[in-house]
C-alpha cells in the first residue's frame, strides 16, 4: 500500500518526538498533526491504558476533518466509530479484540481502502498485519501528567 506517500513528502520521514504535560497539550498536538494528514492515512496508536490515545485522536479529528471533539469517543465495546466531517475518520479501538482473525472476519481491513483516515487504537493487537505505509504514534507515560509522543512514518 502506498497510501501515505504524499505524507512522507510533506512531513519528515524521521521519527518525531514531543513531550506533553497535559491533556490539553496532547489534544493540541493532535490538532496540528491532523491538519497535515492527507486523506487515506492509516494512523496506528500504541500505548498503555490512559496514555492519551483517544485525546490525541480527538485533536486529530478536529485538525483533519473539523469534527467536534465531544463527538469523538473510544469505541471500546463496538470496535469502530465513524465520524463525518470534511473527510471521514474511522476510529478503531481493538482493546477487546481476540486476534487478527477476528479483525479480518469483521472486514475491518477493508476500511483501509476507503476515503478518509483510519485511526487504530491498540494496534499491537494486529501488528503483524498492519500496512507497511502506516504512521505509528507511540504514547508513553513518563509521569502523572507527562507523556512522550513519538511519531514514526514507515
C-alpha atoms as a PDB file:
ATOM      1  CA  UNK A   1       0.000   0.000   0.000  1.00  0.00           C
ATOM      2  CA  UNK A   2       1.440   3.354  -0.998  1.00  0.00           C
ATOM      3  CA  UNK A   3      -1.295   5.439   0.550  1.00  0.00           C
ATOM      4  CA  UNK A   4       0.886   7.782   2.592  1.00  0.00           C
ATOM      5  CA  UNK A   5       3.495   8.727   0.000  1.00  0.00           C
ATOM      6  CA  UNK A   6       2.272  12.336  -0.065  1.00  0.00           C
ATOM      7  CA  UNK A   7       2.615  12.482   3.716  1.00  0.00           C
ATOM      8  CA  UNK A   8       6.235  11.389   3.512  1.00  0.00           C
ATOM      9  CA  UNK A   9       6.897  14.190   1.049  1.00  0.00           C
ATOM     10  CA  UNK A  10       5.304  16.870   3.238  1.00  0.00           C
ATOM     11  CA  UNK A  11       6.294  15.598   6.673  1.00  0.00           C
ATOM     12  CA  UNK A  12       9.655  14.385   7.913  1.00  0.00           C
ATOM     13  CA  UNK A  13      10.268  10.680   7.385  1.00  0.00           C
ATOM     14  CA  UNK A  14      12.325  10.633  10.584  1.00  0.00           C
ATOM     15  CA  UNK A  15      10.637   9.880  13.904  1.00  0.00           C
ATOM     16  CA  UNK A  16       9.474  12.981  15.723  1.00  0.00           C
ATOM     17  CA  UNK A  17       9.178  13.166  19.473  1.00  0.00           C
ATOM     18  CA  UNK A  18       7.293  15.617  21.642  1.00  0.00           C
ATOM     19  CA  UNK A  19       6.616  15.861  25.350  1.00  0.00           C
ATOM     20  CA  UNK A  20       3.104  16.574  26.582  1.00  0.00           C
ATOM     21  CA  UNK A  21       2.468  17.891  30.075  1.00  0.00           C
ATOM     22  CA  UNK A  22      -1.332  17.883  29.994  1.00  0.00           C
ATOM     23  CA  UNK A  23      -4.352  16.536  28.135  1.00  0.00           C
ATOM     24  CA  UNK A  24      -4.610  19.978  26.509  1.00  0.00           C
ATOM     25  CA  UNK A  25      -1.043  19.615  25.150  1.00  0.00           C
ATOM     26  CA  UNK A  26      -1.851  16.165  23.743  1.00  0.00           C
ATOM     27  CA  UNK A  27      -5.080  17.469  22.183  1.00  0.00           C
ATOM     28  CA  UNK A  28      -3.286  20.477  20.616  1.00  0.00           C
ATOM     29  CA  UNK A  29      -0.554  18.252  19.195  1.00  0.00           C
ATOM     30  CA  UNK A  30      -3.272  16.037  17.713  1.00  0.00           C
ATOM     31  CA  UNK A  31      -4.851  19.064  16.009  1.00  0.00           C
ATOM     32  CA  UNK A  32      -1.530  20.138  14.460  1.00  0.00           C
ATOM     33  CA  UNK A  33      -0.818  16.573  13.347  1.00  0.00           C
ATOM     34  CA  UNK A  34      -4.321  16.176  11.875  1.00  0.00           C
ATOM     35  CA  UNK A  35      -4.057  19.416   9.897  1.00  0.00           C
ATOM     36  CA  UNK A  36      -1.149  17.910   7.942  1.00  0.00           C
ATOM     37  CA  UNK A  37      -2.631  14.447   7.321  1.00  0.00           C
ATOM     38  CA  UNK A  38      -3.669  13.665   3.766  1.00  0.00           C
ATOM     39  CA  UNK A  39      -6.745  11.546   3.032  1.00  0.00           C
ATOM     40  CA  UNK A  40      -6.296   7.780   3.240  1.00  0.00           C
ATOM     41  CA  UNK A  41      -3.768   7.944   6.074  1.00  0.00           C
ATOM     42  CA  UNK A  42      -3.636   4.975   8.419  1.00  0.00           C
ATOM     43  CA  UNK A  43      -2.523   6.068  11.875  1.00  0.00           C
ATOM     44  CA  UNK A  44      -1.694   3.291  14.345  1.00  0.00           C
ATOM     45  CA  UNK A  45      -1.636   4.097  18.057  1.00  0.00           C
ATOM     46  CA  UNK A  46       0.394   2.258  20.677  1.00  0.00           C
ATOM     47  CA  UNK A  47       0.383   2.896  24.423  1.00  0.00           C
ATOM     48  CA  UNK A  48      -0.889   1.775  27.794  1.00  0.00           C
ATOM     49  CA  UNK A  49      -4.366   2.384  29.174  1.00  0.00           C
ATOM     50  CA  UNK A  50      -4.956   6.095  29.804  1.00  0.00           C
ATOM     51  CA  UNK A  51      -1.834   7.071  27.873  1.00  0.00           C
ATOM     52  CA  UNK A  52      -3.751   9.697  25.886  1.00  0.00           C
ATOM     53  CA  UNK A  53      -4.504   7.885  22.620  1.00  0.00           C
ATOM     54  CA  UNK A  54      -8.140   8.980  22.472  1.00  0.00           C
ATOM     55  CA  UNK A  55      -7.237  12.543  23.479  1.00  0.00           C
ATOM     56  CA  UNK A  56      -4.749  12.698  20.607  1.00  0.00           C
ATOM     57  CA  UNK A  57      -7.375  11.281  18.216  1.00  0.00           C
ATOM     58  CA  UNK A  58      -9.883  13.927  19.334  1.00  0.00           C
ATOM     59  CA  UNK A  59      -7.386  16.582  18.274  1.00  0.00           C
ATOM     60  CA  UNK A  60      -6.576  14.741  15.060  1.00  0.00           C
ATOM     61  CA  UNK A  61     -10.301  14.630  14.182  1.00  0.00           C
ATOM     62  CA  UNK A  62     -10.570  18.393  14.727  1.00  0.00           C
ATOM     63  CA  UNK A  63      -7.489  19.157  12.642  1.00  0.00           C
ATOM     64  CA  UNK A  64      -8.104  16.695   9.815  1.00  0.00           C
ATOM     65  CA  UNK A  65     -11.873  16.861   9.476  1.00  0.00           C
ATOM     66  CA  UNK A  66     -13.325  19.685  11.594  1.00  0.00           C
ATOM     67  CA  UNK A  67     -15.151  17.205  13.821  1.00  0.00           C
ATOM     68  CA  UNK A  68     -16.434  18.335  17.225  1.00  0.00           C
ATOM     69  CA  UNK A  69     -14.106  16.700  19.787  1.00  0.00           C
ATOM     70  CA  UNK A  70     -17.083  15.956  22.040  1.00  0.00           C
ATOM     71  CA  UNK A  71     -18.319  13.561  19.344  1.00  0.00           C
ATOM     72  CA  UNK A  72     -15.103  11.515  19.453  1.00  0.00           C
ATOM     73  CA  UNK A  73     -15.371   8.625  21.902  1.00  0.00           C
ATOM     74  CA  UNK A  74     -13.297   5.479  22.041  1.00  0.00           C
ATOM     75  CA  UNK A  75     -15.351   2.594  20.598  1.00  0.00           C
ATOM     76  CA  UNK A  76     -14.152   0.079  23.201  1.00  0.00           C
ATOM     77  CA  UNK A  77     -17.237  -2.137  23.013  1.00  0.00           C
ATOM     78  CA  UNK A  78     -18.162  -1.612  19.347  1.00  0.00           C
ATOM     79  CA  UNK A  79     -14.625  -1.637  17.881  1.00  0.00           C
ATOM     80  CA  UNK A  80     -15.392   1.151  15.361  1.00  0.00           C
ATOM     81  CA  UNK A  81     -16.856   4.659  15.336  1.00  0.00           C
ATOM     82  CA  UNK A  82     -17.192   6.619  12.114  1.00  0.00           C
ATOM     83  CA  UNK A  83     -17.125  10.411  12.276  1.00  0.00           C
ATOM     84  CA  UNK A  84     -18.354  12.571   9.395  1.00  0.00           C
ATOM     85  CA  UNK A  85     -16.603  15.861   8.679  1.00  0.00           C
ATOM     86  CA  UNK A  86     -14.571  17.373   5.838  1.00  0.00           C
ATOM     87  CA  UNK A  87     -13.417  13.789   5.473  1.00  0.00           C
ATOM     88  CA  UNK A  88     -14.385  10.620   7.309  1.00  0.00           C
ATOM     89  CA  UNK A  89     -12.480   9.396  10.325  1.00  0.00           C
ATOM     90  CA  UNK A  90     -12.624   5.657  11.056  1.00  0.00           C
ATOM     91  CA  UNK A  91     -11.761   5.259  14.745  1.00  0.00           C
ATOM     92  CA  UNK A  92     -10.938   1.709  15.825  1.00  0.00           C
ATOM     93  CA  UNK A  93     -10.373   0.530  19.395  1.00  0.00           C
ATOM     94  CA  UNK A  94      -9.012  -3.011  19.372  1.00  0.00           C
ATOM     95  CA  UNK A  95      -8.502  -3.380  23.130  1.00  0.00           C
ATOM     96  CA  UNK A  96     -11.060  -6.203  23.383  1.00  0.00           C
ATOM     97  CA  UNK A  97     -10.098  -7.876  20.102  1.00  0.00           C
ATOM     98  CA  UNK A  98      -9.117 -11.544  20.487  1.00  0.00           C
ATOM     99  CA  UNK A  99      -6.841 -11.855  17.458  1.00  0.00           C
ATOM    100  CA  UNK A 100      -6.172 -10.859  13.870  1.00  0.00           C
ATOM    101  CA  UNK A 101      -8.681 -13.429  12.574  1.00  0.00           C
ATOM    102  CA  UNK A 102     -11.466 -11.642  14.458  1.00  0.00           C
ATOM    103  CA  UNK A 103     -10.346  -8.313  12.942  1.00  0.00           C
ATOM    104  CA  UNK A 104     -10.390  -9.784   9.444  1.00  0.00           C
ATOM    105  CA  UNK A 105     -13.693 -11.617   9.921  1.00  0.00           C
ATOM    106  CA  UNK A 106     -15.373  -8.275  10.668  1.00  0.00           C
ATOM    107  CA  UNK A 107     -13.978  -6.829   7.423  1.00  0.00           C
ATOM    108  CA  UNK A 108     -12.166  -4.016   9.213  1.00  0.00           C
ATOM    109  CA  UNK A 109      -9.150  -4.187   6.902  1.00  0.00           C
ATOM    110  CA  UNK A 110     -11.463  -3.039   4.086  1.00  0.00           C
ATOM    111  CA  UNK A 111     -11.678   0.396   5.739  1.00  0.00           C
ATOM    112  CA  UNK A 112      -8.016   0.933   4.886  1.00  0.00           C
ATOM    113  CA  UNK A 113      -9.073   1.350   1.245  1.00  0.00           C
ATOM    114  CA  UNK A 114     -11.961   3.762   1.857  1.00  0.00           C
ATOM    115  CA  UNK A 115     -11.895   7.527   1.638  1.00  0.00           C
ATOM    116  CA  UNK A 116     -10.940   9.016   4.970  1.00  0.00           C
ATOM    117  CA  UNK A 117      -8.427   8.478   7.727  1.00  0.00           C
ATOM    118  CA  UNK A 118      -8.133   5.326   9.846  1.00  0.00           C
ATOM    119  CA  UNK A 119      -7.086   5.720  13.481  1.00  0.00           C
ATOM    120  CA  UNK A 120      -6.380   2.408  15.200  1.00  0.00           C
ATOM    121  CA  UNK A 121      -6.004   2.274  18.981  1.00  0.00           C
ATOM    122  CA  UNK A 122      -4.300  -0.849  20.369  1.00  0.00           C
ATOM    123  CA  UNK A 123      -2.624  -1.514  17.027  1.00  0.00           C
ATOM    124  CA  UNK A 124      -0.320  -4.006  18.711  1.00  0.00           C
ATOM    125  CA  UNK A 125      -3.235  -6.452  18.557  1.00  0.00           C
ATOM    126  CA  UNK A 126      -2.785  -6.648  14.776  1.00  0.00           C
ATOM    127  CA  UNK A 127       0.849  -5.524  14.456  1.00  0.00           C
ATOM    128  CA  UNK A 128       1.830  -8.331  12.093  1.00  0.00           C
ATOM    129  CA  UNK A 129      -0.970  -7.300   9.713  1.00  0.00           C
ATOM    130  CA  UNK A 130      -0.528  -3.513   9.677  1.00  0.00           C
ATOM    131  CA  UNK A 131       0.152  -1.931   6.285  1.00  0.00           C
ATOM    132  CA  UNK A 132       3.778  -1.003   5.680  1.00  0.00           C
ATOM    133  CA  UNK A 133       2.762   2.580   4.922  1.00  0.00           C
ATOM    134  CA  UNK A 134       1.060   3.262   8.259  1.00  0.00           C
ATOM    135  CA  UNK A 135       2.038   6.074  10.596  1.00  0.00           C
ATOM    136  CA  UNK A 136       2.853   4.881  14.112  1.00  0.00           C
ATOM    137  CA  UNK A 137       2.075   7.016  17.154  1.00  0.00           C
ATOM    138  CA  UNK A 138       3.566   5.734  20.426  1.00  0.00           C
ATOM    139  CA  UNK A 139       2.376   7.459  23.617  1.00  0.00           C
ATOM    140  CA  UNK A 140       4.185   6.631  26.868  1.00  0.00           C
ATOM    141  CA  UNK A 141       3.578   7.704  30.464  1.00  0.00           C
ATOM    142  CA  UNK A 142       6.608   9.454  31.886  1.00  0.00           C
ATOM    143  CA  UNK A 143       4.862  10.869  34.958  1.00  0.00           C
ATOM    144  CA  UNK A 144       1.410  11.695  36.277  1.00  0.00           C
ATOM    145  CA  UNK A 145       0.738  14.316  33.575  1.00  0.00           C
ATOM    146  CA  UNK A 146       3.854  13.840  31.471  1.00  0.00           C
ATOM    147  CA  UNK A 147       3.670  11.892  28.214  1.00  0.00           C
ATOM    148  CA  UNK A 148       6.163  11.263  25.452  1.00  0.00           C
ATOM    149  CA  UNK A 149       4.588  11.162  21.996  1.00  0.00           C
ATOM    150  CA  UNK A 150       6.710   9.653  19.222  1.00  0.00           C
ATOM    151  CA  UNK A 151       5.530   9.598  15.632  1.00  0.00           C
ATOM    152  CA  UNK A 152       7.191   7.339  13.095  1.00  0.00           C
ATOM    153  CA  UNK A 153       6.445   7.421   9.373  1.00  0.00           C
ATOM    154  CA  UNK A 154       7.044   3.962   7.944  1.00  0.00           C
END
